[in-house]
PDB file of N, CA and C in Angstrom:
ATOM      1  N   MET A   1       7.263  61.405 -17.055  1.00  0.00           N
ATOM      2  CA  MET A   1       6.643  59.851 -16.072  1.00  0.00           C
ATOM      3  C   MET A   1       5.478  60.471 -15.970  1.00  0.00           C
ATOM      4  N   PRO A   2       3.739  60.160 -16.242  1.00  0.00           N
ATOM      5  CA  PRO A   2       2.339  60.627 -15.895  1.00  0.00           C
ATOM      6  C   PRO A   2       2.991  60.570 -14.157  1.00  0.00           C
ATOM      7  N   ASN A   3       2.321  60.492 -13.595  1.00  0.00           N
ATOM      8  CA  ASN A   3       1.696  60.628 -11.438  1.00  0.00           C
ATOM      9  C   ASN A   3       0.903  59.687 -11.427  1.00  0.00           C
ATOM     10  N   ARG A   4       0.511  59.470 -12.033  1.00  0.00           N
ATOM     11  CA  ARG A   4      -0.500  57.961 -11.110  1.00  0.00           C
ATOM     12  C   ARG A   4       1.394  56.030 -11.984  1.00  0.00           C
ATOM     13  N   THR A   5       1.760  56.770 -12.839  1.00  0.00           N
ATOM     14  CA  THR A   5       3.252  55.848 -12.243  1.00  0.00           C
ATOM     15  C   THR A   5       4.111  56.215 -11.353  1.00  0.00           C
ATOM     16  N   VAL A   6       4.945  57.304 -11.169  1.00  0.00           N
ATOM     17  CA  VAL A   6       5.521  57.756  -9.599  1.00  0.00           C
ATOM     18  C   VAL A   6       4.974  57.142  -8.448  1.00  0.00           C
ATOM     19  N   ILE A   7       3.177  57.665  -8.048  1.00  0.00           N
ATOM     20  CA  ILE A   7       3.126  57.657  -7.089  1.00  0.00           C
ATOM     21  C   ILE A   7       2.610  55.411  -6.760  1.00  0.00           C
ATOM     22  N   ALA A   8       2.404  54.993  -8.154  1.00  0.00           N
ATOM     23  CA  ALA A   8       2.163  53.725  -7.734  1.00  0.00           C
ATOM     24  C   ALA A   8       3.951  53.109  -7.595  1.00  0.00           C
ATOM     25  N   ILE A   9       4.990  53.496  -7.865  1.00  0.00           N
ATOM     26  CA  ILE A   9       6.598  53.336  -7.971  1.00  0.00           C
ATOM     27  C   ILE A   9       6.520  53.554  -6.486  1.00  0.00           C
ATOM     28  N   VAL A  10       6.402  54.437  -5.857  1.00  0.00           N
ATOM     29  CA  VAL A  10       6.682  54.981  -4.443  1.00  0.00           C
ATOM     30  C   VAL A  10       6.030  54.123  -3.424  1.00  0.00           C
ATOM     31  N   ILE A  11       4.555  53.697  -4.211  1.00  0.00           N
ATOM     32  CA  ILE A  11       3.257  52.878  -2.630  1.00  0.00           C
ATOM     33  C   ILE A  11       4.022  51.441  -3.011  1.00  0.00           C
ATOM     34  N   TYR A  12       4.392  50.928  -4.416  1.00  0.00           N
ATOM     35  CA  TYR A  12       4.635  50.091  -4.217  1.00  0.00           C
ATOM     36  C   TYR A  12       5.283  48.810  -2.912  1.00  0.00           C
ATOM     37  N   MET A  13       6.769  49.751  -2.586  1.00  0.00           N
ATOM     38  CA  MET A  13       7.275  48.915  -1.903  1.00  0.00           C
ATOM     39  C   MET A  13       6.257  49.067  -0.480  1.00  0.00           C
ATOM     40  N   MET A  14       5.504  49.521  -0.251  1.00  0.00           N
ATOM     41  CA  MET A  14       5.485  50.245   0.799  1.00  0.00           C
ATOM     42  C   MET A  14       4.480  48.505   0.779  1.00  0.00           C
ATOM     43  N   VAL A  15       3.818  48.570  -0.639  1.00  0.00           N
ATOM     44  CA  VAL A  15       2.510  48.025  -0.454  1.00  0.00           C
ATOM     45  C   VAL A  15       3.232  45.857  -0.619  1.00  0.00           C
ATOM     46  N   GLN A  16       4.403  45.850  -1.367  1.00  0.00           N
ATOM     47  CA  GLN A  16       5.573  44.635  -1.014  1.00  0.00           C
ATOM     48  C   GLN A  16       5.609  44.275   0.200  1.00  0.00           C
ATOM     49  N   ALA A  17       6.221  45.456   1.432  1.00  0.00           N
ATOM     50  CA  ALA A  17       5.934  44.193   2.424  1.00  0.00           C
ATOM     51  C   ALA A  17       4.950  44.036   3.377  1.00  0.00           C
ATOM     52  N   VAL A  18       3.502  44.729   2.913  1.00  0.00           N
ATOM     53  CA  VAL A  18       2.343  44.245   3.730  1.00  0.00           C
ATOM     54  C   VAL A  18       1.952  42.697   3.040  1.00  0.00           C
ATOM     55  N   VAL A  19       1.941  42.990   1.622  1.00  0.00           N
ATOM     56  CA  VAL A  19       2.048  41.225   1.741  1.00  0.00           C
ATOM     57  C   VAL A  19       2.955  40.406   1.431  1.00  0.00           C
ATOM     58  N   PHE A  20       3.994  40.240   1.212  1.00  0.00           N
ATOM     59  CA  PHE A  20       5.112  39.547   2.182  1.00  0.00           C
ATOM     60  C   PHE A  20       4.799  39.644   3.545  1.00  0.00           C
ATOM     61  N   GLY A  21       4.629  39.921   3.751  1.00  0.00           N
ATOM     62  CA  GLY A  21       4.006  40.004   5.121  1.00  0.00           C
ATOM     63  C   GLY A  21       3.384  39.336   5.830  1.00  0.00           C
ATOM     64  N   ILE A  22       2.286  38.981   4.957  1.00  0.00           N
ATOM     65  CA  ILE A  22       0.550  38.275   4.911  1.00  0.00           C
ATOM     66  C   ILE A  22       1.418  36.982   4.959  1.00  0.00           C
ATOM     67  N   GLY A  23       1.836  36.612   4.045  1.00  0.00           N
ATOM     68  CA  GLY A  23       2.230  35.441   3.315  1.00  0.00           C
ATOM     69  C   GLY A  23       2.911  34.698   4.559  1.00  0.00           C
ATOM     70  N   VAL A  24       3.489  35.728   4.851  1.00  0.00           N
ATOM     71  CA  VAL A  24       4.753  34.521   5.556  1.00  0.00           C
ATOM     72  C   VAL A  24       4.156  34.180   7.178  1.00  0.00           C
ATOM     73  N   VAL A  25       2.260  34.828   7.004  1.00  0.00           N
ATOM     74  CA  VAL A  25       2.123  34.581   8.090  1.00  0.00           C
ATOM     75  C   VAL A  25       1.103  33.544   8.290  1.00  0.00           C
ATOM     76  N   LEU A  26       0.771  33.844   7.319  1.00  0.00           N
ATOM     77  CA  LEU A  26       0.109  32.309   6.376  1.00  0.00           C
ATOM     78  C   LEU A  26       0.390  30.862   6.187  1.00  0.00           C
ATOM     79  N   VAL A  27       2.199  31.442   5.908  1.00  0.00           N
ATOM     80  CA  VAL A  27       3.413  30.193   5.810  1.00  0.00           C
ATOM     81  C   VAL A  27       3.183  29.453   7.442  1.00  0.00           C
ATOM     82  N   LEU A  28       3.488  30.418   7.970  1.00  0.00           N
ATOM     83  CA  LEU A  28       4.191  30.283   9.296  1.00  0.00           C
ATOM     84  C   LEU A  28       3.376  29.065  10.908  1.00  0.00           C
ATOM     85  N   ALA A  29       2.336  30.207  10.355  1.00  0.00           N
ATOM     86  CA  ALA A  29       1.005  30.222  11.456  1.00  0.00           C
ATOM     87  C   ALA A  29       0.026  29.486  11.485  1.00  0.00           C
ATOM     88  N   THR A  30       0.178  28.500   9.830  1.00  0.00           N
ATOM     89  CA  THR A  30      -0.581  26.976   9.624  1.00  0.00           C
ATOM     90  C   THR A  30       0.514  25.900   9.842  1.00  0.00           C
ATOM     91  N   PRO A  31      -0.668  24.992   9.325  1.00  0.00           N
ATOM     92  CA  PRO A  31       0.802  23.889   9.200  1.00  0.00           C
ATOM     93  C   PRO A  31       1.770  23.320   8.148  1.00  0.00           C
ATOM     94  N   LEU A  32       1.288  24.429   8.264  1.00  0.00           N
ATOM     95  CA  LEU A  32       2.209  24.993   6.024  1.00  0.00           C
ATOM     96  C   LEU A  32       3.619  25.114   6.918  1.00  0.00           C
ATOM     97  N   THR A  33       3.770  24.730   8.031  1.00  0.00           N
ATOM     98  CA  THR A  33       5.189  25.257   9.003  1.00  0.00           C
ATOM     99  C   THR A  33       6.280  23.833   7.608  1.00  0.00           C
ATOM    100  N   ASN A  34       5.884  22.798   8.107  1.00  0.00           N
ATOM    101  CA  ASN A  34       6.608  22.106   7.853  1.00  0.00           C
ATOM    102  C   ASN A  34       7.659  21.922   6.838  1.00  0.00           C
ATOM    103  N   ILE A  35       6.755  22.771   5.571  1.00  0.00           N
ATOM    104  CA  ILE A  35       7.108  23.676   3.875  1.00  0.00           C
ATOM    105  C   ILE A  35       7.516  24.367   3.119  1.00  0.00           C
ATOM    106  N   ALA A  36       7.778  25.329   4.446  1.00  0.00           N
ATOM    107  CA  ALA A  36       8.471  26.977   5.362  1.00  0.00           C
ATOM    108  C   ALA A  36       9.720  26.810   4.171  1.00  0.00           C
ATOM    109  N   MET A  37      10.579  26.349   4.463  1.00  0.00           N
ATOM    110  CA  MET A  37      11.926  26.708   3.346  1.00  0.00           C
ATOM    111  C   MET A  37      11.024  25.944   1.523  1.00  0.00           C
ATOM    112  N   THR A  38      10.826  25.184   1.602  1.00  0.00           N
ATOM    113  CA  THR A  38       9.690  25.216   0.007  1.00  0.00           C
ATOM    114  C   THR A  38       9.221  26.355   0.001  1.00  0.00           C
ATOM    115  N   LEU A  39       8.368  27.040   1.150  1.00  0.00           N
ATOM    116  CA  LEU A  39       7.011  27.773  -0.001  1.00  0.00           C
ATOM    117  C   LEU A  39       7.890  29.101   0.036  1.00  0.00           C
ATOM    118  N   MET A  40       8.789  29.508   0.850  1.00  0.00           N
ATOM    119  CA  MET A  40       9.479  31.445   1.352  1.00  0.00           C
ATOM    120  C   MET A  40       9.557  31.295  -0.149  1.00  0.00           C
ATOM    121  N   PRO A  41      10.389  31.369  -1.414  1.00  0.00           N
ATOM    122  CA  PRO A  41      10.496  31.107  -2.832  1.00  0.00           C
ATOM    123  C   PRO A  41       9.491  31.574  -2.904  1.00  0.00           C
ATOM    124  N   PHE A  42       8.389  31.325  -2.863  1.00  0.00           N
ATOM    125  CA  PHE A  42       6.724  30.864  -3.685  1.00  0.00           C
ATOM    126  C   PHE A  42       6.497  32.854  -2.922  1.00  0.00           C
ATOM    127  N   VAL A  43       6.321  32.339  -2.246  1.00  0.00           N
ATOM    128  CA  VAL A  43       5.740  34.033  -0.851  1.00  0.00           C
ATOM    129  C   VAL A  43       6.568  34.719  -1.461  1.00  0.00           C
ATOM    130  N   VAL A  44       7.121  35.108  -1.705  1.00  0.00           N
ATOM    131  CA  VAL A  44       8.230  36.335  -2.934  1.00  0.00           C
ATOM    132  C   VAL A  44       7.877  36.303  -3.904  1.00  0.00           C
ATOM    133  N   ALA A  45       7.751  35.636  -4.615  1.00  0.00           N
ATOM    134  CA  ALA A  45       7.680  36.011  -5.926  1.00  0.00           C
ATOM    135  C   ALA A  45       6.502  36.012  -5.787  1.00  0.00           C
ATOM    136  N   ALA A  46       5.226  36.362  -5.038  1.00  0.00           N
ATOM    137  CA  ALA A  46       3.754  35.934  -5.300  1.00  0.00           C
ATOM    138  C   ALA A  46       3.387  37.976  -5.140  1.00  0.00           C
ATOM    139  N   SER A  47       4.809  37.406  -3.697  1.00  0.00           N
ATOM    140  CA  SER A  47       4.957  39.503  -3.981  1.00  0.00           C
ATOM    141  C   SER A  47       5.685  41.022  -4.211  1.00  0.00           C
ATOM    142  N   LEU A  48       6.111  39.730  -4.473  1.00  0.00           N
ATOM    143  CA  LEU A  48       6.942  40.912  -5.690  1.00  0.00           C
ATOM    144  C   LEU A  48       4.971  40.462  -7.746  1.00  0.00           C
ATOM    145  N   LEU A  49       4.780  39.854  -7.589  1.00  0.00           N
ATOM    146  CA  LEU A  49       3.717  39.957  -8.723  1.00  0.00           C
ATOM    147  C   LEU A  49       2.631  40.501  -8.452  1.00  0.00           C
ATOM    148  N   VAL A  50       1.329  40.114  -7.084  1.00  0.00           N
ATOM    149  CA  VAL A  50       0.824  40.789  -6.644  1.00  0.00           C
ATOM    150  C   VAL A  50       1.180  42.343  -5.948  1.00  0.00           C
ATOM    151  N   SER A  51       2.393  42.463  -5.750  1.00  0.00           N
ATOM    152  CA  SER A  51       1.725  43.838  -6.065  1.00  0.00           C
ATOM    153  C   SER A  51       1.571  45.591  -6.365  1.00  0.00           C
ATOM    154  N   ALA A  52       2.635  45.114  -8.068  1.00  0.00           N
ATOM    155  CA  ALA A  52       2.451  46.097  -9.016  1.00  0.00           C
ATOM    156  C   ALA A  52       0.826  45.919  -9.498  1.00  0.00           C
ATOM    157  N   PRO A  53      -0.047  45.861  -9.512  1.00  0.00           N
ATOM    158  CA  PRO A  53      -1.233  45.649  -9.627  1.00  0.00           C
ATOM    159  C   PRO A  53      -1.997  46.645  -8.603  1.00  0.00           C
ATOM    160  N   VAL A  54      -2.056  46.473  -7.690  1.00  0.00           N
ATOM    161  CA  VAL A  54      -2.483  46.605  -6.262  1.00  0.00           C
ATOM    162  C   VAL A  54      -1.919  48.097  -6.300  1.00  0.00           C
ATOM    163  N   ALA A  55      -0.560  48.209  -5.944  1.00  0.00           N
ATOM    164  CA  ALA A  55       0.306  49.806  -6.760  1.00  0.00           C
ATOM    165  C   ALA A  55      -1.219  50.153  -7.072  1.00  0.00           C
ATOM    166  N   TRP A  56      -0.973  49.899  -8.139  1.00  0.00           N
ATOM    167  CA  TRP A  56      -1.702  51.055  -9.525  1.00  0.00           C
ATOM    168  C   TRP A  56      -2.740  51.236  -9.006  1.00  0.00           C
ATOM    169  N   LEU A  57      -3.515  49.785  -8.842  1.00  0.00           N
ATOM    170  CA  LEU A  57      -5.409  50.692  -8.250  1.00  0.00           C
ATOM    171  C   LEU A  57      -5.820  51.496  -7.014  1.00  0.00           C
ATOM    172  N   LEU A  58      -4.064  51.438  -6.080  1.00  0.00           N
ATOM    173  CA  LEU A  58      -3.988  53.044  -4.829  1.00  0.00           C
ATOM    174  C   LEU A  58      -3.784  53.735  -5.274  1.00  0.00           C
ATOM    175  N   ALA A  59      -2.892  53.908  -6.665  1.00  0.00           N
ATOM    176  CA  ALA A  59      -2.283  55.389  -7.290  1.00  0.00           C
ATOM    177  C   ALA A  59      -3.977  55.482  -7.216  1.00  0.00           C
ATOM    178  N   PRO A  60      -3.705  55.910  -7.969  1.00  0.00           N
ATOM    179  CA  PRO A  60      -5.542  56.662  -7.891  1.00  0.00           C
ATOM    180  C   PRO A  60      -6.217  57.814  -6.638  1.00  0.00           C
ATOM    181  N   MET A  61      -6.178  56.485  -5.497  1.00  0.00           N
ATOM    182  CA  MET A  61      -6.845  57.001  -4.861  1.00  0.00           C
ATOM    183  C   MET A  61      -6.442  57.929  -3.752  1.00  0.00           C
ATOM    184  N   ALA A  62      -4.888  57.221  -4.289  1.00  0.00           N
ATOM    185  CA  ALA A  62      -3.494  58.495  -2.561  1.00  0.00           C
ATOM    186  C   ALA A  62      -3.723  60.420  -3.892  1.00  0.00           C
ATOM    187  N   ARG A  63      -3.726  60.567  -5.070  1.00  0.00           N
ATOM    188  CA  ARG A  63      -3.217  60.873  -5.470  1.00  0.00           C
ATOM    189  C   ARG A  63      -5.054  62.500  -5.187  1.00  0.00           C
ATOM    190  N   ALA A  64      -6.259  61.597  -5.092  1.00  0.00           N
ATOM    191  CA  ALA A  64      -7.114  61.901  -4.853  1.00  0.00           C
ATOM    192  C   ALA A  64      -7.306  61.807  -3.346  1.00  0.00           C
ATOM    193  N   ALA A  65      -6.864  61.915  -2.211  1.00  0.00           N
ATOM    194  CA  ALA A  65      -6.439  62.646  -0.950  1.00  0.00           C
ATOM    195  C   ALA A  65      -5.645  63.319  -1.804  1.00  0.00           C
ATOM    196  N   HIS A  66      -4.718  63.709  -1.646  1.00  0.00           N
ATOM    197  CA  HIS A  66      -4.494  64.425  -2.045  1.00  0.00           C
ATOM    198  C   HIS A  66      -4.602  66.411  -2.200  1.00  0.00           C
ATOM    199  N   GLU A  67      -5.140  65.873  -3.502  1.00  0.00           N
ATOM    200  CA  GLU A  67      -6.183  67.390  -4.620  1.00  0.00           C
ATOM    201  C   GLU A  67      -7.208  67.597  -3.141  1.00  0.00           C
ATOM    202  N   ARG A  68      -8.102  66.684  -2.688  1.00  0.00           N
ATOM    203  CA  ARG A  68      -9.091  66.887  -0.977  1.00  0.00           C
ATOM    204  C   ARG A  68      -7.971  67.815  -0.429  1.00  0.00           C
ATOM    205  N   LYS A  69      -7.189  67.321   0.205  1.00  0.00           N
ATOM    206  CA  LYS A  69      -5.938  68.076   1.072  1.00  0.00           C
ATOM    207  C   LYS A  69      -5.928  69.029   0.371  1.00  0.00           C
ATOM    208  N   LEU A  70      -5.339  69.854  -1.333  1.00  0.00           N
ATOM    209  CA  LEU A  70      -4.708  70.991  -1.790  1.00  0.00           C
ATOM    210  C   LEU A  70      -6.039  71.928  -1.036  1.00  0.00           C
ATOM    211  N   ASN A  71      -7.473  71.335  -1.427  1.00  0.00           N
ATOM    212  CA  ASN A  71      -8.952  72.398  -1.465  1.00  0.00           C
ATOM    213  C   ASN A  71      -9.192  72.585  -0.702  1.00  0.00           C
ATOM    214  N   ALA A  72      -8.905  72.263   1.072  1.00  0.00           N
ATOM    215  CA  ALA A  72      -9.044  72.362   2.180  1.00  0.00           C
ATOM    216  C   ALA A  72      -8.239  73.008   2.626  1.00  0.00           C
ATOM    217  N   GLN A  73      -6.942  73.168   1.988  1.00  0.00           N
ATOM    218  CA  GLN A  73      -6.170  74.225   1.999  1.00  0.00           C
ATOM    219  C   GLN A  73      -6.197  75.597   1.349  1.00  0.00           C
ATOM    220  N   GLU A  74      -6.806  75.705   0.191  1.00  0.00           N
ATOM    221  CA  GLU A  74      -7.369  76.729  -0.475  1.00  0.00           C
ATOM    222  C   GLU A  74      -8.558  75.902  -0.677  1.00  0.00           C
ATOM    223  N   PRO A  75      -9.494  76.842  -0.720  1.00  0.00           N
ATOM    224  CA  PRO A  75     -11.102  76.770  -0.752  1.00  0.00           C
ATOM    225  C   PRO A  75     -11.054  77.775  -1.905  1.00  0.00           C
ATOM    226  N   GLY A  76     -10.674  78.109  -2.808  1.00  0.00           N
ATOM    227  CA  GLY A  76     -10.380  78.745  -3.071  1.00  0.00           C
ATOM    228  C   GLY A  76     -10.439  78.306  -5.125  1.00  0.00           C
ATOM    229  N   ARG A  77      -9.365  77.212  -4.723  1.00  0.00           N
ATOM    230  CA  ARG A  77      -8.517  76.807  -5.024  1.00  0.00           C
ATOM    231  C   ARG A  77      -9.365  76.569  -6.627  1.00  0.00           C
ATOM    232  N   SER A  78      -8.640  77.250  -8.030  1.00  0.00           N
ATOM    233  CA  SER A  78      -9.815  76.202  -9.519  1.00  0.00           C
ATOM    234  C   SER A  78      -8.832  75.129  -9.817  1.00  0.00           C
ATOM    235  N   THR A  79      -9.361  73.421 -10.566  1.00  0.00           N
ATOM    236  CA  THR A  79      -8.474  72.830 -11.174  1.00  0.00           C
ATOM    237  C   THR A  79      -7.461  74.190 -12.811  1.00  0.00           C
ATOM    238  N   ASP A  80      -9.001  74.751 -13.249  1.00  0.00           N
ATOM    239  CA  ASP A  80      -8.208  75.428 -14.161  1.00  0.00           C
ATOM    240  C   ASP A  80      -8.197  76.178 -14.031  1.00  0.00           C
ATOM    241  N   ASP A  81      -7.353  76.942 -12.768  1.00  0.00           N
ATOM    242  CA  ASP A  81      -6.123  78.061 -12.371  1.00  0.00           C
ATOM    243  C   ASP A  81      -5.007  77.713 -12.733  1.00  0.00           C
ATOM    244  N   GLN A  82      -4.900  76.865 -12.699  1.00  0.00           N
ATOM    245  CA  GLN A  82      -3.575  75.311 -13.218  1.00  0.00           C
ATOM    246  C   GLN A  82      -2.638  75.452 -14.157  1.00  0.00           C
ATOM    247  N   PRO A  83      -1.407  75.890 -14.595  1.00  0.00           N
ATOM    248  CA  PRO A  83      -1.427  75.379 -16.117  1.00  0.00           C
ATOM    249  C   PRO A  83      -1.285  73.749 -16.227  1.00  0.00           C
ATOM    250  N   GLY A  84      -1.518  73.469 -17.814  1.00  0.00           N
ATOM    251  CA  GLY A  84      -1.250  72.232 -17.996  1.00  0.00           C
ATOM    252  C   GLY A  84      -2.418  70.852 -17.529  1.00  0.00           C
ATOM    253  N   HIS A  85      -3.612  71.959 -17.112  1.00  0.00           N
ATOM    254  CA  HIS A  85      -4.684  70.655 -16.905  1.00  0.00           C
ATOM    255  C   HIS A  85      -5.170  70.553 -15.516  1.00  0.00           C
ATOM    256  N   GLY A  86      -5.140  70.730 -15.332  1.00  0.00           N
ATOM    257  CA  GLY A  86      -4.953  70.387 -13.061  1.00  0.00           C
ATOM    258  C   GLY A  86      -3.643  70.697 -12.789  1.00  0.00           C
ATOM    259  N   TYR A  87      -3.895  70.737 -11.265  1.00  0.00           N
ATOM    260  CA  TYR A  87      -2.651  70.819 -10.272  1.00  0.00           C
ATOM    261  C   TYR A  87      -2.432  69.657 -10.657  1.00  0.00           C
ATOM    262  N   HIS A  88      -2.331  68.820 -11.013  1.00  0.00           N
ATOM    263  CA  HIS A  88      -1.109  67.623 -11.096  1.00  0.00           C
ATOM    264  C   HIS A  88      -1.225  67.391 -12.643  1.00  0.00           C
ATOM    265  N   ALA A  89      -0.495  67.621 -13.407  1.00  0.00           N
ATOM    266  CA  ALA A  89      -0.959  67.916 -15.078  1.00  0.00           C
ATOM    267  C   ALA A  89       0.386  66.032 -14.866  1.00  0.00           C
ATOM    268  N   SER A  90      -0.664  65.428 -16.008  1.00  0.00           N
ATOM    269  CA  SER A  90      -0.632  64.277 -16.346  1.00  0.00           C
ATOM    270  C   SER A  90      -0.894  63.761 -17.993  1.00  0.00           C
TER     271      SER A  90
END
């Protein structure tokens, strides 16, 4: 499984929690409170669907941050020194 996919899976649940929280606050802190019981299943479904592409877009940024941290710890490290095309072969 490619590294981006694994990172996206790990990030997915955190992103989903944030998106769900935003949706709940929007429903409960606005006049939509009157129909909150009707809207909550839609908030759950929307958080499930929206979180996947957001996690997919965030995965390369998380990987790049990790690469920067490794380069700071090992200044002479080159991606050519590692087997499989880079430190994290994908």
